[in-house]
Amino acid sequence: MNTATIREQLLSHAQALIRQRGYNGFSYRELAEQVGIKASGIDCYFPCKDDLLIEVMDNYAAEDASLMRNIDAMLPAYERLNRYAALFDNGSSEQVSVCGMLGINFASLSDRACQAVQSFYRTHECWLTQVVADGQRDGTLEWPGDPEAGGRYLFSAFQGALISSRLFQMPSRLHDVVASMRVEPGSD
């Protein structure tokens, strides 16, 4: 028996559909069928699709931020980067990041949704910037320039790796990103 509320089920199924097909790849009718309600019943919870999208994004961003906070900041930067990559390696090659998929759909999103996606990106880029800066200091990551540019590079590389690992059914592509930054022991 499913003990999740209808609202929770709508959010969960909407997130899965966005990760599989993007924002424009599903309808309220389709979502309602997955939950077992009429499409008009969704309006009681989310008057418009944008309201649903914003709540999916807020929940997804909060969950991701919590997972990143749980990565021990005392670990060497390379190990933190490995653990970050593991957050995306959920074993499903059928789905990509919600905000990665929404970044692709940005032209059809509301201003409010675009701002939420940008905020998600900035959160990850800032976290990765700190990891790059720490890696430059502790000697575990190789990045020749500004850590902020390194954080943006890494986030873009992870998003691209998620898409290409889905396309080629090769989850190892995420770890290729991490390996590209590693300083090999004894390479001084």
Protein backbone atom coordinates (compact mmCIF):
# COMPACT_ATOMS: atom_id res chain seq x y z
CA MET A 1 0.00 0.00 0.00
CA ASN A 2 1.32 3.43 -0.95
CA THR A 3 1.30 5.68 2.14
CA ALA A 4 2.53 8.77 0.31
CA THR A 5 -0.01 11.55 -0.03
CA ILE A 6 -1.35 12.42 -3.47
CA ARG A 7 0.75 15.59 -3.40
CA GLU A 8 3.92 13.57 -2.62
CA GLN A 9 3.07 11.09 -5.37
CA LEU A 10 2.53 13.89 -7.87
CA LEU A 11 5.88 15.44 -6.97
CA SER A 12 7.71 12.10 -7.13
CA HIS A 13 6.23 11.09 -10.48
CA ALA A 14 6.71 14.57 -11.93
CA GLN A 15 10.38 14.51 -10.91
CA ALA A 16 10.87 11.11 -12.58
CA LEU A 17 9.11 12.30 -15.75
CA ILE A 18 11.20 15.48 -15.89
CA ARG A 19 14.38 13.44 -15.44
CA GLN A 20 13.35 11.04 -18.20
CA ARG A 21 11.73 13.35 -20.75
CA GLY A 22 12.10 16.98 -19.68
CA TYR A 23 9.52 19.56 -18.68
CA ASN A 24 7.72 19.49 -22.01
CA GLY A 25 7.76 15.69 -22.22
CA PHE A 26 4.72 14.97 -20.06
CA SER A 27 1.19 16.22 -19.51
CA TYR A 28 -1.04 16.55 -16.47
CA ARG A 29 -3.16 13.71 -17.92
CA GLU A 30 -0.16 11.41 -18.02
CA LEU A 31 0.92 12.40 -14.51
CA ALA A 32 -2.61 11.89 -13.19
CA GLU A 33 -2.73 8.39 -14.68
CA GLN A 34 0.46 7.44 -12.83
CA VAL A 35 -1.01 8.63 -9.54
CA GLY A 36 -4.50 7.25 -10.18
CA ILE A 37 -6.47 10.50 -10.17
CA LYS A 38 -8.19 12.65 -12.79
CA ALA A 39 -6.06 15.31 -14.48
CA SER A 40 -8.36 18.01 -13.11
CA GLY A 41 -7.52 16.75 -9.61
CA ILE A 42 -3.94 17.97 -9.99
CA ASP A 43 -5.24 21.55 -10.09
CA CYS A 44 -6.23 21.22 -6.42
CA TYR A 45 -2.54 20.81 -5.58
CA PHE A 46 -0.85 22.70 -8.39
CA PRO A 47 -3.04 25.23 -10.26
CA CYS A 48 -0.53 25.38 -13.12
CA LYS A 49 2.34 23.24 -14.33
CA ASP A 50 4.82 25.95 -13.32
CA ASP A 51 3.72 25.61 -9.67
CA LEU A 52 4.37 21.88 -9.86
CA LEU A 53 7.75 22.47 -11.49
CA ILE A 54 8.87 24.99 -8.87
CA GLU A 55 8.01 22.64 -6.01
CA VAL A 56 9.75 19.70 -7.73
CA MET A 57 12.84 21.88 -8.20
CA ASP A 58 12.78 23.22 -4.64
CA ASN A 59 12.55 19.69 -3.22
CA TYR A 60 15.25 18.40 -5.56
CA ALA A 61 17.59 21.31 -4.79
CA ALA A 62 17.09 20.94 -1.03
CA GLU A 63 17.81 17.21 -1.20
CA ASP A 64 20.96 17.79 -3.29
CA ALA A 65 22.17 20.55 -0.96
CA SER A 66 21.71 18.23 2.01
CA LEU A 67 23.66 15.46 0.28
CA MET A 68 26.52 17.86 -0.50
CA ARG A 69 26.59 19.10 3.11
CA ASN A 70 26.93 15.49 4.23
CA ILE A 71 30.21 15.10 2.32
CA ASP A 72 32.86 15.55 5.00
CA ALA A 73 34.68 18.84 4.35
CA MET A 74 37.75 17.42 6.13
CA LEU A 75 38.33 14.81 3.41
CA PRO A 76 40.94 15.51 0.75
CA ALA A 77 39.43 17.40 -2.19
CA TYR A 78 39.83 14.46 -4.59
CA GLU A 79 37.84 12.19 -2.27
CA ARG A 80 35.11 14.85 -1.89
CA LEU A 81 34.91 15.07 -5.67
CA ASN A 82 34.56 11.28 -5.88
CA ARG A 83 31.72 11.37 -3.36
CA TYR A 84 30.06 14.20 -5.26
CA ALA A 85 30.18 12.12 -8.47
CA ALA A 86 28.62 9.22 -6.58
CA LEU A 87 25.59 11.43 -5.83
CA PHE A 88 24.74 11.35 -9.54
CA ASP A 89 25.54 7.68 -10.03
CA ASN A 90 22.14 6.34 -9.00
CA GLY A 91 22.42 3.29 -11.21
CA SER A 92 19.70 4.50 -13.59
CA SER A 93 20.89 5.39 -17.04
CA GLU A 94 17.31 6.34 -17.91
CA GLN A 95 17.33 9.61 -15.99
CA VAL A 96 19.46 12.72 -15.77
CA SER A 97 19.53 15.56 -13.24
CA VAL A 98 16.24 17.46 -12.91
CA CYS A 99 17.97 20.81 -13.24
CA GLY A 100 20.26 19.53 -15.98
CA MET A 101 17.21 18.53 -17.99
CA LEU A 102 15.51 21.83 -17.17
CA GLY A 103 18.62 23.71 -18.25
CA ILE A 104 18.05 22.19 -21.66
CA ASN A 105 14.39 23.30 -21.59
CA PHE A 106 15.13 26.83 -20.31
CA ALA A 107 13.56 28.58 -23.30
CA SER A 108 10.15 27.19 -22.40
CA LEU A 109 10.40 27.86 -18.65
CA SER A 110 8.95 30.80 -16.77
CA ASP A 111 11.29 33.45 -15.37
CA ARG A 112 10.66 32.05 -11.89
CA ALA A 113 11.63 28.54 -13.01
CA CYS A 114 14.74 29.81 -14.83
CA GLN A 115 15.85 31.61 -11.68
CA ALA A 116 15.38 28.44 -9.65
CA VAL A 117 17.46 26.43 -12.14
CA GLN A 118 20.17 29.12 -12.09
CA SER A 119 20.19 29.02 -8.29
CA PHE A 120 20.63 25.23 -8.38
CA TYR A 121 23.56 25.58 -10.79
CA ARG A 122 25.17 28.30 -8.65
CA THR A 123 24.88 26.17 -5.49
CA HIS A 124 26.73 23.31 -7.17
CA GLU A 125 29.28 25.57 -8.85
CA CYS A 126 30.08 27.29 -5.52
CA TRP A 127 30.49 23.96 -3.74
CA LEU A 128 32.74 22.67 -6.53
CA THR A 129 34.72 25.95 -6.52
CA GLN A 130 35.59 25.31 -2.89
CA VAL A 131 36.62 21.74 -3.69
CA VAL A 132 38.87 22.94 -6.54
CA ALA A 133 40.47 25.59 -4.29
CA ASP A 134 41.04 22.99 -1.57
CA GLY A 135 42.42 20.55 -4.14
CA GLN A 136 44.90 23.15 -5.36
CA ARG A 137 46.00 23.67 -1.74
CA ASP A 138 46.13 20.01 -0.69
CA GLY A 139 47.67 18.90 -4.00
CA THR A 140 45.01 16.29 -4.84
CA LEU A 141 43.38 18.12 -7.79
CA GLU A 142 44.96 19.66 -10.83
CA TRP A 143 43.41 22.85 -12.12
CA PRO A 144 45.71 25.45 -13.62
CA GLY A 145 43.61 28.54 -13.09
CA ASP A 146 40.94 30.25 -11.08
CA PRO A 147 39.01 27.86 -8.77
CA GLU A 148 35.72 29.56 -9.69
CA ALA A 149 36.25 28.70 -13.36
CA GLY A 150 37.17 25.19 -12.21
CA GLY A 151 33.88 24.88 -10.31
CA ARG A 152 31.89 25.96 -13.37
CA TYR A 153 33.91 23.62 -15.58
CA LEU A 154 33.32 20.66 -13.28
CA PHE A 155 29.59 21.22 -12.97
CA SER A 156 29.27 21.52 -16.75
CA ALA A 157 31.40 18.42 -17.20
CA PHE A 158 29.26 16.44 -14.74
CA GLN A 159 26.04 17.54 -16.49
CA GLY A 160 27.51 16.55 -19.86
CA ALA A 161 28.69 13.23 -18.44
CA LEU A 162 25.19 12.51 -17.14
CA ILE A 163 23.73 13.07 -20.58
CA SER A 164 26.40 11.07 -22.43
CA SER A 165 26.33 8.23 -19.90
CA ARG A 166 22.60 7.97 -20.56
CA LEU A 167 23.13 8.08 -24.32
CA PHE A 168 25.89 5.45 -24.34
CA GLN A 169 24.66 3.48 -21.30
CA MET A 170 28.06 4.02 -19.63
CA PRO A 171 27.77 5.33 -16.04
CA SER A 172 31.59 5.33 -15.80
CA ARG A 173 31.63 8.63 -17.71
CA LEU A 174 30.89 10.44 -14.44
CA HIS A 175 34.08 9.10 -12.94
CA ASP A 176 36.03 10.15 -16.02
CA VAL A 177 35.31 13.75 -14.97
CA VAL A 178 36.84 13.15 -11.54
CA ALA A 179 39.83 11.34 -13.01
CA SER A 180 40.52 14.28 -15.34
CA MET A 181 41.20 16.51 -12.31
CA ARG A 182 43.28 14.14 -10.21
CA VAL A 183 46.91 14.82 -9.50
CA GLU A 184 48.78 11.56 -9.94
CA PRO A 185 50.95 10.71 -6.93
CA GLY A 186 54.58 11.54 -7.57
CA SER A 187 53.82 13.79 -10.56
CA ASP A 188 55.66 16.78 -9.09
